[in-house]
Amino acid sequence: MSDNHDLLMEKNIKTWWNDNKFYLIGVISLALIVIVAKSNYQVAQINKTEKAATLYYYIVPGLKSENTDIAIKQVNDLHTESPKSIYSGLSSLHLAKYYVEKQDYDNAIKQLEWVIDNSNENLKSVSKLKLARIYIELKKPEKALKITKENNFYNAENELVKGDAYLKLGKLNQAKEAYKKSAADASQQSQYELWELANMKYNNINYVEPR
């Protein structure tokens, strides 16, 4: 009885295998292809990130040396090859700083706008603060104020820049309110230097004759 049962099971298995073997082989092959493709994609992403990190590593000192042309090209290469990489955003911030030091504000603005259009919220916020400061320097406080109103991060710094924009516009009460908010937020975040600066700007307005 047992032998007959075993023979029947063996026959059923062979029949099932003959009916389904091509389907199973296909499923297994597809699974292997997916695994290999996923592995290759992960390796490619790792290599891409490592390349971006390497480029960024050379960009920062390059902008401080005589190799600025090479460093600027490397920033552009990062924009092309890894536009969403954090290294692309950081490199643009460094390049914007380089342009500001050269008083090349047009190119500095282009770099900061690129970060705003392509990077994460944190870097976007940093870029908005820097961009607003440039517009204040260029005597365009209206543009600076518009940017600060669209910024949702780094509230203490943002309110400080907003206060500077209001001050340029001669709106002293609004400037004092912004500096007051900046000092309060800086105090909560234990940003003592920023708190001191905001308080100083707030107190200085008391010596400015209102328009």
C-alpha atoms as a PDB file:
ATOM      1  CA  MET A   1       0.000   0.000   0.000  1.00  0.00           C
ATOM      2  CA  SER A   2       2.781   2.375   0.953  1.00  0.00           C
ATOM      3  CA  ASP A   3       4.726   1.617  -2.230  1.00  0.00           C
ATOM      4  CA  ASN A   4       1.677   2.290  -4.356  1.00  0.00           C
ATOM      5  CA  HIS A   5       1.096   5.553  -2.531  1.00  0.00           C
ATOM      6  CA  ASP A   6       4.691   6.631  -3.076  1.00  0.00           C
ATOM      7  CA  LEU A   7       4.530   5.753  -6.765  1.00  0.00           C
ATOM      8  CA  LEU A   8       1.296   7.719  -7.130  1.00  0.00           C
ATOM      9  CA  MET A   9       2.819  10.750  -5.432  1.00  0.00           C
ATOM     10  CA  GLU A  10       5.914  10.534  -7.623  1.00  0.00           C
ATOM     11  CA  LYS A  11       3.728  10.338 -10.721  1.00  0.00           C
ATOM     12  CA  ASN A  12       1.658  13.321  -9.600  1.00  0.00           C
ATOM     13  CA  ILE A  13       4.824  15.380  -8.923  1.00  0.00           C
ATOM     14  CA  LYS A  14       6.232  14.547 -12.365  1.00  0.00           C
ATOM     15  CA  THR A  15       2.941  15.444 -13.996  1.00  0.00           C
ATOM     16  CA  TRP A  16       2.770  18.739 -12.062  1.00  0.00           C
ATOM     17  CA  TRP A  17       6.378  19.541 -12.947  1.00  0.00           C
ATOM     18  CA  ASN A  18       5.825  18.852 -16.645  1.00  0.00           C
ATOM     19  CA  ASP A  19       2.764  21.089 -16.606  1.00  0.00           C
ATOM     20  CA  ASN A  20       4.377  23.961 -14.684  1.00  0.00           C
ATOM     21  CA  LYS A  21       8.140  23.794 -15.182  1.00  0.00           C
ATOM     22  CA  PHE A  22       8.303  26.520 -17.824  1.00  0.00           C
ATOM     23  CA  TYR A  23       6.196  28.851 -15.705  1.00  0.00           C
ATOM     24  CA  LEU A  24       8.405  28.222 -12.658  1.00  0.00           C
ATOM     25  CA  ILE A  25      11.592  28.688 -14.645  1.00  0.00           C
ATOM     26  CA  GLY A  26      10.190  31.966 -15.958  1.00  0.00           C
ATOM     27  CA  VAL A  27       9.279  33.212 -12.485  1.00  0.00           C
ATOM     28  CA  ILE A  28      12.684  32.291 -11.076  1.00  0.00           C
ATOM     29  CA  SER A  29      14.491  33.879 -14.024  1.00  0.00           C
ATOM     30  CA  LEU A  30      12.459  37.068 -13.670  1.00  0.00           C
ATOM     31  CA  ALA A  31      13.185  37.193  -9.943  1.00  0.00           C
ATOM     32  CA  LEU A  32      16.901  36.796 -10.606  1.00  0.00           C
ATOM     33  CA  ILE A  33      16.810  39.556 -13.228  1.00  0.00           C
ATOM     34  CA  VAL A  34      15.063  41.893 -10.771  1.00  0.00           C
ATOM     35  CA  ILE A  35      17.594  41.101  -8.035  1.00  0.00           C
ATOM     36  CA  VAL A  36      20.551  41.684 -10.350  1.00  0.00           C
ATOM     37  CA  ALA A  37      19.039  44.880 -11.761  1.00  0.00           C
ATOM     38  CA  LYS A  38      18.317  46.208  -8.286  1.00  0.00           C
ATOM     39  CA  SER A  39      21.832  45.358  -7.165  1.00  0.00           C
ATOM     40  CA  ASN A  40      23.331  47.067 -10.216  1.00  0.00           C
ATOM     41  CA  TYR A  41      21.152  50.147  -9.628  1.00  0.00           C
ATOM     42  CA  GLN A  42      22.243  50.345  -5.990  1.00  0.00           C
ATOM     43  CA  VAL A  43      25.889  50.005  -6.977  1.00  0.00           C
ATOM     44  CA  ALA A  44      25.443  52.708  -9.628  1.00  0.00           C
ATOM     45  CA  GLN A  45      23.813  55.032  -7.097  1.00  0.00           C
ATOM     46  CA  ILE A  46      26.608  54.443  -4.599  1.00  0.00           C
ATOM     47  CA  ASN A  47      29.219  55.131  -7.271  1.00  0.00           C
ATOM     48  CA  LYS A  48      27.343  58.263  -8.320  1.00  0.00           C
ATOM     49  CA  THR A  49      27.202  59.527  -4.731  1.00  0.00           C
ATOM     50  CA  GLU A  50      30.870  58.771  -4.176  1.00  0.00           C
ATOM     51  CA  LYS A  51      31.791  60.671  -7.347  1.00  0.00           C
ATOM     52  CA  ALA A  52      29.680  63.643  -6.264  1.00  0.00           C
ATOM     53  CA  ALA A  53      31.324  63.614  -2.831  1.00  0.00           C
ATOM     54  CA  THR A  54      34.785  63.496  -4.419  1.00  0.00           C
ATOM     55  CA  LEU A  55      34.010  66.441  -6.695  1.00  0.00           C
ATOM     56  CA  TYR A  56      32.654  68.429  -3.744  1.00  0.00           C
ATOM     57  CA  TYR A  57      35.782  67.607  -1.743  1.00  0.00           C
ATOM     58  CA  TYR A  58      37.918  69.358  -4.359  1.00  0.00           C
ATOM     59  CA  ILE A  59      35.541  72.242  -5.094  1.00  0.00           C
ATOM     60  CA  VAL A  60      35.809  73.947  -1.691  1.00  0.00           C
ATOM     61  CA  PRO A  61      39.620  74.322  -1.632  1.00  0.00           C
ATOM     62  CA  GLY A  62      39.588  74.944  -5.398  1.00  0.00           C
ATOM     63  CA  LEU A  63      37.533  78.102  -4.928  1.00  0.00           C
ATOM     64  CA  LYS A  64      40.138  79.363  -2.463  1.00  0.00           C
ATOM     65  CA  SER A  65      43.072  78.738  -4.774  1.00  0.00           C
ATOM     66  CA  GLU A  66      44.145  79.700  -8.268  1.00  0.00           C
ATOM     67  CA  ASN A  67      42.109  76.811  -9.699  1.00  0.00           C
ATOM     68  CA  THR A  68      38.764  78.593  -9.547  1.00  0.00           C
ATOM     69  CA  ASP A  69      37.961  77.841 -13.203  1.00  0.00           C
ATOM     70  CA  ILE A  70      38.327  74.124 -12.531  1.00  0.00           C
ATOM     71  CA  ALA A  71      36.237  74.368  -9.354  1.00  0.00           C
ATOM     72  CA  ILE A  72      33.473  76.257 -11.181  1.00  0.00           C
ATOM     73  CA  LYS A  73      33.469  73.599 -13.920  1.00  0.00           C
ATOM     74  CA  GLN A  74      33.191  70.902 -11.258  1.00  0.00           C
ATOM     75  CA  VAL A  75      30.139  72.661  -9.800  1.00  0.00           C
ATOM     76  CA  ASN A  76      28.544  72.668 -13.247  1.00  0.00           C
ATOM     77  CA  ASP A  77      29.444  68.987 -13.661  1.00  0.00           C
ATOM     78  CA  LEU A  78      27.687  68.210 -10.388  1.00  0.00           C
ATOM     79  CA  HIS A  79      24.615  70.114 -11.539  1.00  0.00           C
ATOM     80  CA  THR A  80      24.512  68.009 -14.702  1.00  0.00           C
ATOM     81  CA  GLU A  81      25.367  64.599 -13.267  1.00  0.00           C
ATOM     82  CA  SER A  82      23.820  64.756  -9.778  1.00  0.00           C
ATOM     83  CA  PRO A  83      21.378  67.682  -9.632  1.00  0.00           C
ATOM     84  CA  LYS A  84      19.480  66.309  -6.626  1.00  0.00           C
ATOM     85  CA  SER A  85      22.587  65.389  -4.646  1.00  0.00           C
ATOM     86  CA  ILE A  86      23.197  67.351  -1.456  1.00  0.00           C
ATOM     87  CA  TYR A  87      26.741  67.909  -2.726  1.00  0.00           C
ATOM     88  CA  SER A  88      25.385  69.842  -5.711  1.00  0.00           C
ATOM     89  CA  GLY A  89      23.471  72.170  -3.415  1.00  0.00           C
ATOM     90  CA  LEU A  90      26.388  72.632  -1.026  1.00  0.00           C
ATOM     91  CA  SER A  91      28.822  73.319  -3.859  1.00  0.00           C
ATOM     92  CA  SER A  92      26.489  76.011  -5.224  1.00  0.00           C
ATOM     93  CA  LEU A  93      26.342  77.657  -1.794  1.00  0.00           C
ATOM     94  CA  HIS A  94      30.141  77.783  -1.700  1.00  0.00           C
ATOM     95  CA  LEU A  95      30.274  79.134  -5.252  1.00  0.00           C
ATOM     96  CA  ALA A  96      27.661  81.782  -4.387  1.00  0.00           C
ATOM     97  CA  LYS A  97      29.820  82.836  -1.423  1.00  0.00           C
ATOM     98  CA  TYR A  98      32.830  83.068  -3.757  1.00  0.00           C
ATOM     99  CA  TYR A  99      30.867  85.306  -6.152  1.00  0.00           C
ATOM    100  CA  VAL A 100      29.628  87.523  -3.300  1.00  0.00           C
ATOM    101  CA  GLU A 101      33.212  88.052  -2.144  1.00  0.00           C
ATOM    102  CA  LYS A 102      34.038  89.098  -5.717  1.00  0.00           C
ATOM    103  CA  GLN A 103      30.917  91.323  -5.697  1.00  0.00           C
ATOM    104  CA  ASP A 104      29.665  89.364  -8.694  1.00  0.00           C
ATOM    105  CA  TYR A 105      26.099  89.415  -7.423  1.00  0.00           C
ATOM    106  CA  ASP A 106      24.448  88.303 -10.667  1.00  0.00           C
ATOM    107  CA  ASN A 107      26.274  84.961 -10.646  1.00  0.00           C
ATOM    108  CA  ALA A 108      25.790  84.612  -6.890  1.00  0.00           C
ATOM    109  CA  ILE A 109      22.040  85.027  -7.389  1.00  0.00           C
ATOM    110  CA  LYS A 110      22.056  82.401 -10.162  1.00  0.00           C
ATOM    111  CA  GLN A 111      23.737  79.855  -7.873  1.00  0.00           C
ATOM    112  CA  LEU A 112      21.344  80.517  -4.997  1.00  0.00           C
ATOM    113  CA  GLU A 113      18.317  80.309  -7.276  1.00  0.00           C
ATOM    114  CA  TRP A 114      19.622  76.998  -8.597  1.00  0.00           C
ATOM    115  CA  VAL A 115      19.723  75.628  -5.028  1.00  0.00           C
ATOM    116  CA  ILE A 116      16.196  76.901  -4.373  1.00  0.00           C
ATOM    117  CA  ASP A 117      14.954  75.125  -7.506  1.00  0.00           C
ATOM    118  CA  ASN A 118      16.803  71.824  -6.999  1.00  0.00           C
ATOM    119  CA  SER A 119      17.779  71.118  -3.384  1.00  0.00           C
ATOM    120  CA  ASN A 120      16.098  69.954  -0.199  1.00  0.00           C
ATOM    121  CA  GLU A 121      14.094  72.261   2.060  1.00  0.00           C
ATOM    122  CA  ASN A 122      16.996  72.872   4.419  1.00  0.00           C
ATOM    123  CA  LEU A 123      19.360  74.097   1.696  1.00  0.00           C
ATOM    124  CA  LYS A 124      16.541  76.023   0.021  1.00  0.00           C
ATOM    125  CA  SER A 125      15.984  77.931   3.244  1.00  0.00           C
ATOM    126  CA  VAL A 126      19.688  78.736   3.638  1.00  0.00           C
ATOM    127  CA  SER A 127      19.785  79.960   0.042  1.00  0.00           C
ATOM    128  CA  LYS A 128      16.735  82.168   0.549  1.00  0.00           C
ATOM    129  CA  LEU A 129      18.400  83.845   3.525  1.00  0.00           C
ATOM    130  CA  LYS A 130      21.572  84.480   1.524  1.00  0.00           C
ATOM    131  CA  LEU A 131      19.580  85.697  -1.466  1.00  0.00           C
ATOM    132  CA  ALA A 132      17.591  88.110   0.696  1.00  0.00           C
ATOM    133  CA  ARG A 133      20.823  89.521   2.134  1.00  0.00           C
ATOM    134  CA  ILE A 134      22.155  90.096  -1.376  1.00  0.00           C
ATOM    135  CA  TYR A 135      19.007  92.016  -2.345  1.00  0.00           C
ATOM    136  CA  ILE A 136      19.385  94.174   0.755  1.00  0.00           C
ATOM    137  CA  GLU A 137      22.982  94.847  -0.265  1.00  0.00           C
ATOM    138  CA  LEU A 138      21.740  95.759  -3.751  1.00  0.00           C
ATOM    139  CA  LYS A 139      19.219  98.178  -2.204  1.00  0.00           C
ATOM    140  CA  LYS A 140      16.266  96.036  -3.220  1.00  0.00           C
ATOM    141  CA  PRO A 141      14.618  95.494   0.178  1.00  0.00           C
ATOM    142  CA  GLU A 142      11.210  94.762  -1.357  1.00  0.00           C
ATOM    143  CA  LYS A 143      12.622  91.636  -3.012  1.00  0.00           C
ATOM    144  CA  ALA A 144      14.398  90.661   0.201  1.00  0.00           C
ATOM    145  CA  LEU A 145      11.184  91.039   2.185  1.00  0.00           C
ATOM    146  CA  LYS A 146       9.251  88.901  -0.285  1.00  0.00           C
ATOM    147  CA  ILE A 147      11.825  86.115   0.069  1.00  0.00           C
ATOM    148  CA  THR A 148      11.765  86.187   3.884  1.00  0.00           C
ATOM    149  CA  LYS A 149       7.980  85.884   3.842  1.00  0.00           C
ATOM    150  CA  GLU A 150       8.310  82.702   1.762  1.00  0.00           C
ATOM    151  CA  ASN A 151      10.930  81.158   4.061  1.00  0.00           C
ATOM    152  CA  ASN A 152       9.751  78.649   6.687  1.00  0.00           C
ATOM    153  CA  PHE A 153      13.035  77.599   8.310  1.00  0.00           C
ATOM    154  CA  TYR A 154      15.725  79.224  10.466  1.00  0.00           C
ATOM    155  CA  ASN A 155      13.153  81.571  11.926  1.00  0.00           C
ATOM    156  CA  ALA A 156      15.551  83.593  14.084  1.00  0.00           C
ATOM    157  CA  GLU A 157      17.856  84.332  11.138  1.00  0.00           C
ATOM    158  CA  ASN A 158      14.892  84.914   8.844  1.00  0.00           C
ATOM    159  CA  GLU A 159      13.323  87.472  11.174  1.00  0.00           C
ATOM    160  CA  LEU A 160      16.672  89.240  11.479  1.00  0.00           C
ATOM    161  CA  VAL A 161      16.932  89.611   7.705  1.00  0.00           C
ATOM    162  CA  LYS A 162      13.282  90.643   7.555  1.00  0.00           C
ATOM    163  CA  GLY A 163      14.031  93.357  10.109  1.00  0.00           C
ATOM    164  CA  ASP A 164      16.927  94.603   7.972  1.00  0.00           C
ATOM    165  CA  ALA A 165      14.626  94.767   4.937  1.00  0.00           C
ATOM    166  CA  TYR A 166      11.986  96.727   6.854  1.00  0.00           C
ATOM    167  CA  LEU A 167      14.694  99.050   8.154  1.00  0.00           C
ATOM    168  CA  LYS A 168      15.868  99.785   4.595  1.00  0.00           C
ATOM    169  CA  LEU A 169      12.255 100.599   3.716  1.00  0.00           C
ATOM    170  CA  GLY A 170      12.029 102.984   6.652  1.00  0.00           C
ATOM    171  CA  LYS A 171       9.351 100.865   8.341  1.00  0.00           C
ATOM    172  CA  LEU A 172      10.775 101.109  11.829  1.00  0.00           C
ATOM    173  CA  ASN A 173       7.914  99.562  13.790  1.00  0.00           C
ATOM    174  CA  GLN A 174       7.885  96.479  11.552  1.00  0.00           C
ATOM    175  CA  ALA A 175      11.666  96.265  11.810  1.00  0.00           C
ATOM    176  CA  LYS A 176      11.530  96.396  15.613  1.00  0.00           C
ATOM    177  CA  GLU A 177       8.880  93.662  15.663  1.00  0.00           C
ATOM    178  CA  ALA A 178      10.997  91.433  13.413  1.00  0.00           C
ATOM    179  CA  TYR A 179      14.119  91.976  15.525  1.00  0.00           C
ATOM    180  CA  LYS A 180      12.098  91.240  18.670  1.00  0.00           C
ATOM    181  CA  LYS A 181      10.886  87.947  17.183  1.00  0.00           C
ATOM    182  CA  SER A 182      14.411  87.108  16.063  1.00  0.00           C
ATOM    183  CA  ALA A 183      15.794  87.658  19.572  1.00  0.00           C
ATOM    184  CA  ALA A 184      13.039  85.552  21.135  1.00  0.00           C
ATOM    185  CA  ASP A 185      13.591  82.644  18.733  1.00  0.00           C
ATOM    186  CA  ALA A 186      17.369  82.897  19.096  1.00  0.00           C
ATOM    187  CA  SER A 187      17.000  82.743  22.880  1.00  0.00           C
ATOM    188  CA  GLN A 188      14.853  79.599  22.639  1.00  0.00           C
ATOM    189  CA  GLN A 189      17.439  77.961  20.382  1.00  0.00           C
ATOM    190  CA  SER A 190      20.369  79.073  22.584  1.00  0.00           C
ATOM    191  CA  GLN A 191      21.808  81.076  19.678  1.00  0.00           C
ATOM    192  CA  TYR A 192      23.376  83.702  21.936  1.00  0.00           C
ATOM    193  CA  GLU A 193      25.360  85.621  19.321  1.00  0.00           C
ATOM    194  CA  LEU A 194      22.276  85.932  17.137  1.00  0.00           C
ATOM    195  CA  TRP A 195      20.205  86.947  20.181  1.00  0.00           C
ATOM    196  CA  GLU A 196      22.739  89.661  21.011  1.00  0.00           C
ATOM    197  CA  LEU A 197      22.768  90.939  17.415  1.00  0.00           C
ATOM    198  CA  ALA A 198      18.973  91.037  17.177  1.00  0.00           C
ATOM    199  CA  ASN A 199      18.732  92.914  20.479  1.00  0.00           C
ATOM    200  CA  MET A 200      21.384  95.388  19.373  1.00  0.00           C
ATOM    201  CA  LYS A 201      19.503  96.103  16.134  1.00  0.00           C
ATOM    202  CA  TYR A 202      16.251  96.418  18.064  1.00  0.00           C
ATOM    203  CA  ASN A 203      17.752  98.900  20.518  1.00  0.00           C
ATOM    204  CA  ASN A 204      19.496 100.886  17.788  1.00  0.00           C
ATOM    205  CA  ILE A 205      16.133 101.742  16.236  1.00  0.00           C
ATOM    206  CA  ASN A 206      15.330 103.778  19.350  1.00  0.00           C
ATOM    207  CA  TYR A 207      18.047 106.179  18.240  1.00  0.00           C
ATOM    208  CA  VAL A 208      16.718 106.477  14.703  1.00  0.00           C
ATOM    209  CA  GLU A 209      14.351 109.344  14.013  1.00  0.00           C
ATOM    210  CA  PRO A 210      11.064 107.896  12.677  1.00  0.00           C
ATOM    211  CA  ARG A 211      10.003 109.066   9.232  1.00  0.00           C
END
